[in-house]
Amino acid sequence: GRTAAEEARAARERSVAAETARIRRELTEVRVQLAETRGEIRKEKQVQAEAEAGHQARLGQVEASLRQRLADVQDSQAQFQAEFDQELHEARRTEQQLQQEAAQAARSEVAV
């Protein structure tokens, strides 16, 4: 055999080797967990990006719909204004005609 000092040294080396192996296993577990967490974060970011894209698309649709409604209202307003202007013009023309006819009638009464 070995001396007590050699036995103690061999025991310490076995202890250090066992501790090193345990730390390596824990490190491997941590690396696996880290990879899983990164994967989950990546998936979550992808889900958020898709949700954001969907939200943007819906906002775009709402905006397009509102722009269309605004254009329709403006068209209706322009059409109404054109019709109103036309009716106003015709009313003024009729008023002028009536005034001319009244003036002619007054002149012919004076002439009589």
Foldseek 3Di string as FASTA:
>chain_A
DDDPVVVVVVVVVVVVVVVVVVVVVVVVVVVVVVVVVVVVVVVVVVVVVVVVVVVVVVVVVVVVVVVVVVVVVVVVVVVVVVVVVVVVVVVVVVVVVVVVVVVVVVVVVVVD
